[in-house]
Amino acid sequence: MFIIDDKGILRAMIYYPLSNGRSIPEILRIIKALQTSDKYGVATPEGWQPGDKVIVSPPTTVQDAEKRMSEGYECIDWFFCKKELK
C-alpha cells in the first residue's frame, strides 16, 4: 500500500502479505498524521490519533528550552517535548 502526496512523492509504504487483510483505520490514521506533520511542522508518535499530543522539534537555544517549560510543553528532556495542538 503506497501513500503518494499531491507532488508525486511517496510518503508512506505499508506492506501487507496477500494472505492478510488491510487495516483501513491505520491507513486513515497515517494520512491524518502526515497532514498534521505537514501543517504544523511536528512529528506524531506511534499510535497517534487526532487530538493526541505531538512531538515538537528540539529547541535551538537554552532560552527556547527554558521558555518551553513555562508554556505547557510536556518535556521528557530538554530536547524531547510534546504539546497539544490548538
N, C-alpha and C. Protein backbone atom coordinates (compact mmCIF):
# COMPACT_ATOMS: atom_id res chain seq x y z
N MET A 1 0.85 -1.14 0.00
CA MET A 1 0.00 0.00 0.00
C MET A 1 0.90 1.21 0.00
N PHE A 2 0.69 2.14 -0.93
CA PHE A 2 1.51 3.33 -1.05
C PHE A 2 0.65 4.57 -0.81
N ILE A 3 1.21 5.54 -0.08
CA ILE A 3 0.57 6.84 0.05
C ILE A 3 1.48 7.83 -0.67
N ILE A 4 0.96 8.43 -1.72
CA ILE A 4 1.70 9.36 -2.56
C ILE A 4 1.02 10.72 -2.46
N ASP A 5 1.80 11.77 -2.16
CA ASP A 5 1.19 13.08 -1.98
C ASP A 5 0.89 13.76 -3.32
N ASP A 6 0.32 14.95 -3.24
CA ASP A 6 -0.09 15.66 -4.45
C ASP A 6 1.09 16.13 -5.31
N LYS A 7 2.31 16.05 -4.77
CA LYS A 7 3.51 16.40 -5.55
C LYS A 7 4.15 15.16 -6.17
N GLY A 8 3.52 14.00 -5.97
CA GLY A 8 4.03 12.76 -6.53
C GLY A 8 5.11 12.11 -5.68
N ILE A 9 5.24 12.53 -4.40
CA ILE A 9 6.26 11.99 -3.52
C ILE A 9 5.67 10.86 -2.67
N LEU A 10 6.37 9.74 -2.66
CA LEU A 10 5.96 8.61 -1.83
C LEU A 10 6.17 8.99 -0.37
N ARG A 11 5.11 9.03 0.41
CA ARG A 11 5.19 9.44 1.81
C ARG A 11 5.14 8.26 2.78
N ALA A 12 4.47 7.19 2.39
CA ALA A 12 4.38 6.02 3.25
C ALA A 12 4.18 4.78 2.39
N MET A 13 4.76 3.69 2.88
CA MET A 13 4.61 2.41 2.19
C MET A 13 4.36 1.36 3.27
N ILE A 14 3.24 0.68 3.16
CA ILE A 14 2.88 -0.35 4.13
C ILE A 14 2.74 -1.66 3.37
N TYR A 15 3.46 -2.67 3.83
CA TYR A 15 3.43 -3.97 3.16
C TYR A 15 2.50 -4.91 3.91
N TYR A 16 1.55 -5.44 3.20
CA TYR A 16 0.66 -6.45 3.73
C TYR A 16 0.78 -7.69 2.85
N PRO A 17 1.02 -8.87 3.43
CA PRO A 17 1.01 -10.08 2.61
C PRO A 17 -0.39 -10.29 2.02
N LEU A 18 -0.46 -10.90 0.88
CA LEU A 18 -1.76 -11.14 0.24
C LEU A 18 -2.69 -11.95 1.12
N SER A 19 -2.12 -12.74 2.03
CA SER A 19 -2.95 -13.60 2.88
C SER A 19 -3.56 -12.88 4.07
N ASN A 20 -3.23 -11.58 4.23
CA ASN A 20 -3.73 -10.86 5.39
C ASN A 20 -4.47 -9.60 4.98
N GLY A 21 -5.47 -9.25 5.79
CA GLY A 21 -6.29 -8.09 5.49
C GLY A 21 -5.59 -6.76 5.77
N ARG A 22 -6.18 -5.71 5.25
CA ARG A 22 -5.65 -4.36 5.43
C ARG A 22 -6.38 -3.68 6.58
N SER A 23 -5.68 -2.76 7.24
CA SER A 23 -6.28 -2.02 8.34
C SER A 23 -6.64 -0.63 7.84
N ILE A 24 -7.88 -0.45 7.45
CA ILE A 24 -8.33 0.86 6.96
C ILE A 24 -8.18 1.93 8.04
N PRO A 25 -8.50 1.66 9.31
CA PRO A 25 -8.27 2.69 10.33
C PRO A 25 -6.80 3.12 10.41
N GLU A 26 -5.86 2.19 10.24
CA GLU A 26 -4.44 2.56 10.27
C GLU A 26 -4.06 3.39 9.05
N ILE A 27 -4.60 3.06 7.90
CA ILE A 27 -4.32 3.84 6.69
C ILE A 27 -4.84 5.27 6.86
N LEU A 28 -6.05 5.42 7.38
CA LEU A 28 -6.60 6.76 7.61
C LEU A 28 -5.80 7.50 8.68
N ARG A 29 -5.35 6.78 9.71
CA ARG A 29 -4.55 7.40 10.77
C ARG A 29 -3.25 7.96 10.21
N ILE A 30 -2.55 7.20 9.37
CA ILE A 30 -1.28 7.66 8.84
C ILE A 30 -1.48 8.85 7.90
N ILE A 31 -2.57 8.87 7.15
CA ILE A 31 -2.86 10.02 6.29
C ILE A 31 -3.08 11.27 7.14
N LYS A 32 -3.88 11.15 8.21
CA LYS A 32 -4.11 12.30 9.10
C LYS A 32 -2.81 12.73 9.78
N ALA A 33 -1.97 11.77 10.16
CA ALA A 33 -0.69 12.09 10.79
C ALA A 33 0.22 12.84 9.82
N LEU A 34 0.28 12.40 8.58
CA LEU A 34 1.09 13.09 7.57
C LEU A 34 0.59 14.51 7.35
N GLN A 35 -0.72 14.68 7.27
CA GLN A 35 -1.29 16.01 7.08
C GLN A 35 -0.97 16.92 8.28
N THR A 36 -1.04 16.38 9.48
CA THR A 36 -0.73 17.15 10.67
C THR A 36 0.74 17.55 10.70
N SER A 37 1.62 16.61 10.38
CA SER A 37 3.05 16.90 10.33
C SER A 37 3.35 18.01 9.33
N ASP A 38 2.74 17.93 8.17
CA ASP A 38 2.95 18.96 7.14
C ASP A 38 2.42 20.32 7.57
N LYS A 39 1.24 20.34 8.15
CA LYS A 39 0.59 21.60 8.50
C LYS A 39 1.29 22.32 9.66
N TYR A 40 1.72 21.56 10.67
CA TYR A 40 2.26 22.17 11.89
C TYR A 40 3.77 22.01 12.06
N GLY A 41 4.42 21.25 11.20
CA GLY A 41 5.86 21.05 11.33
C GLY A 41 6.24 20.26 12.58
N VAL A 42 5.45 19.26 12.90
CA VAL A 42 5.67 18.43 14.08
C VAL A 42 5.80 16.97 13.66
N ALA A 43 6.11 16.12 14.62
CA ALA A 43 6.13 14.67 14.40
C ALA A 43 5.01 14.05 15.22
N THR A 44 4.53 12.92 14.77
CA THR A 44 3.48 12.23 15.50
C THR A 44 4.03 10.88 16.00
N PRO A 45 3.81 10.56 17.26
CA PRO A 45 4.31 9.29 17.79
C PRO A 45 3.49 8.10 17.30
N GLU A 46 4.00 6.93 17.55
CA GLU A 46 3.30 5.68 17.20
C GLU A 46 1.92 5.69 17.83
N GLY A 47 0.93 5.28 17.06
CA GLY A 47 -0.43 5.19 17.57
C GLY A 47 -1.13 6.53 17.70
N TRP A 48 -0.50 7.61 17.25
CA TRP A 48 -1.09 8.95 17.36
C TRP A 48 -2.46 9.00 16.70
N GLN A 49 -3.38 9.71 17.35
CA GLN A 49 -4.71 9.98 16.80
C GLN A 49 -4.94 11.48 16.89
N PRO A 50 -5.77 12.05 15.99
CA PRO A 50 -6.06 13.48 16.08
C PRO A 50 -6.52 13.84 17.50
N GLY A 51 -5.94 14.92 18.03
CA GLY A 51 -6.23 15.35 19.39
C GLY A 51 -5.16 14.91 20.39
N ASP A 52 -4.35 13.91 20.04
CA ASP A 52 -3.24 13.49 20.90
C ASP A 52 -2.11 14.51 20.80
N LYS A 53 -1.21 14.47 21.78
CA LYS A 53 -0.05 15.35 21.75
C LYS A 53 0.88 14.96 20.60
N VAL A 54 1.59 15.97 20.10
CA VAL A 54 2.55 15.77 19.02
C VAL A 54 3.95 16.07 19.54
N ILE A 55 4.96 15.63 18.83
CA ILE A 55 6.35 15.87 19.20
C ILE A 55 6.84 17.09 18.44
N VAL A 56 7.44 18.03 19.16
CA VAL A 56 7.94 19.26 18.54
C VAL A 56 9.45 19.16 18.34
N SER A 57 9.96 19.95 17.43
CA SER A 57 11.40 19.97 17.16
C SER A 57 12.15 20.42 18.41
N PRO A 58 13.39 19.96 18.57
CA PRO A 58 14.18 20.39 19.73
C PRO A 58 14.42 21.89 19.69
N PRO A 59 14.53 22.53 20.84
CA PRO A 59 14.83 23.96 20.86
C PRO A 59 16.25 24.21 20.36
N THR A 60 16.48 25.39 19.83
CA THR A 60 17.81 25.70 19.29
C THR A 60 18.67 26.50 20.26
N THR A 61 18.05 27.02 21.32
CA THR A 61 18.81 27.79 22.30
C THR A 61 18.36 27.39 23.71
N VAL A 62 19.19 27.73 24.68
CA VAL A 62 18.84 27.49 26.08
C VAL A 62 17.61 28.29 26.45
N GLN A 63 17.51 29.51 25.92
CA GLN A 63 16.36 30.35 26.22
C GLN A 63 15.07 29.71 25.71
N ASP A 64 15.12 29.15 24.50
CA ASP A 64 13.93 28.47 23.96
C ASP A 64 13.56 27.26 24.82
N ALA A 65 14.55 26.53 25.29
CA ALA A 65 14.28 25.37 26.15
C ALA A 65 13.62 25.81 27.45
N GLU A 66 14.14 26.86 28.05
CA GLU A 66 13.56 27.37 29.29
C GLU A 66 12.16 27.90 29.08
N LYS A 67 11.94 28.55 27.95
CA LYS A 67 10.62 29.11 27.62
C LYS A 67 9.57 28.01 27.51
N ARG A 68 9.95 26.89 26.92
CA ARG A 68 9.01 25.78 26.77
C ARG A 68 8.50 25.27 28.10
N MET A 69 9.37 25.30 29.10
CA MET A 69 8.99 24.77 30.41
C MET A 69 7.83 25.57 31.02
N SER A 70 7.67 26.83 30.61
CA SER A 70 6.59 27.64 31.16
C SER A 70 5.40 27.79 30.20
N GLU A 71 5.46 27.12 29.07
CA GLU A 71 4.40 27.25 28.06
C GLU A 71 3.54 26.00 27.92
N GLY A 72 3.59 25.11 28.87
CA GLY A 72 2.71 23.95 28.84
C GLY A 72 3.19 22.77 28.02
N TYR A 73 4.46 22.79 27.62
CA TYR A 73 5.01 21.64 26.92
C TYR A 73 5.24 20.52 27.93
N GLU A 74 5.10 19.29 27.48
CA GLU A 74 5.41 18.13 28.31
C GLU A 74 6.79 17.65 27.86
N CYS A 75 7.81 17.95 28.66
CA CYS A 75 9.19 17.64 28.27
C CYS A 75 9.73 16.46 29.06
N ILE A 76 10.24 15.49 28.34
CA ILE A 76 10.88 14.34 28.96
C ILE A 76 12.35 14.69 29.23
N ASP A 77 12.91 15.49 28.36
CA ASP A 77 14.24 16.04 28.49
C ASP A 77 14.24 17.36 27.73
N TRP A 78 15.30 18.13 27.78
CA TRP A 78 15.29 19.45 27.14
C TRP A 78 15.06 19.37 25.64
N PHE A 79 15.42 18.25 25.02
CA PHE A 79 15.32 18.12 23.57
C PHE A 79 14.11 17.33 23.10
N PHE A 80 13.36 16.72 24.02
CA PHE A 80 12.22 15.88 23.62
C PHE A 80 10.97 16.35 24.33
N CYS A 81 10.16 17.13 23.61
CA CYS A 81 8.95 17.69 24.19
C CYS A 81 7.74 17.38 23.32
N LYS A 82 6.59 17.27 24.01
CA LYS A 82 5.31 17.09 23.34
C LYS A 82 4.41 18.26 23.69
N LYS A 83 3.41 18.49 22.83
CA LYS A 83 2.42 19.52 23.14
C LYS A 83 1.11 19.17 22.46
N GLU A 84 0.04 19.80 22.94
CA GLU A 84 -1.26 19.66 22.31
C GLU A 84 -1.39 20.72 21.24
N LEU A 85 -1.97 20.36 20.11
CA LEU A 85 -2.23 21.35 19.07
C LEU A 85 -3.52 22.07 19.41
N LYS A 86 -3.58 23.33 19.11
CA LYS A 86 -4.80 24.10 19.41
C LYS A 86 -5.49 24.51 18.16
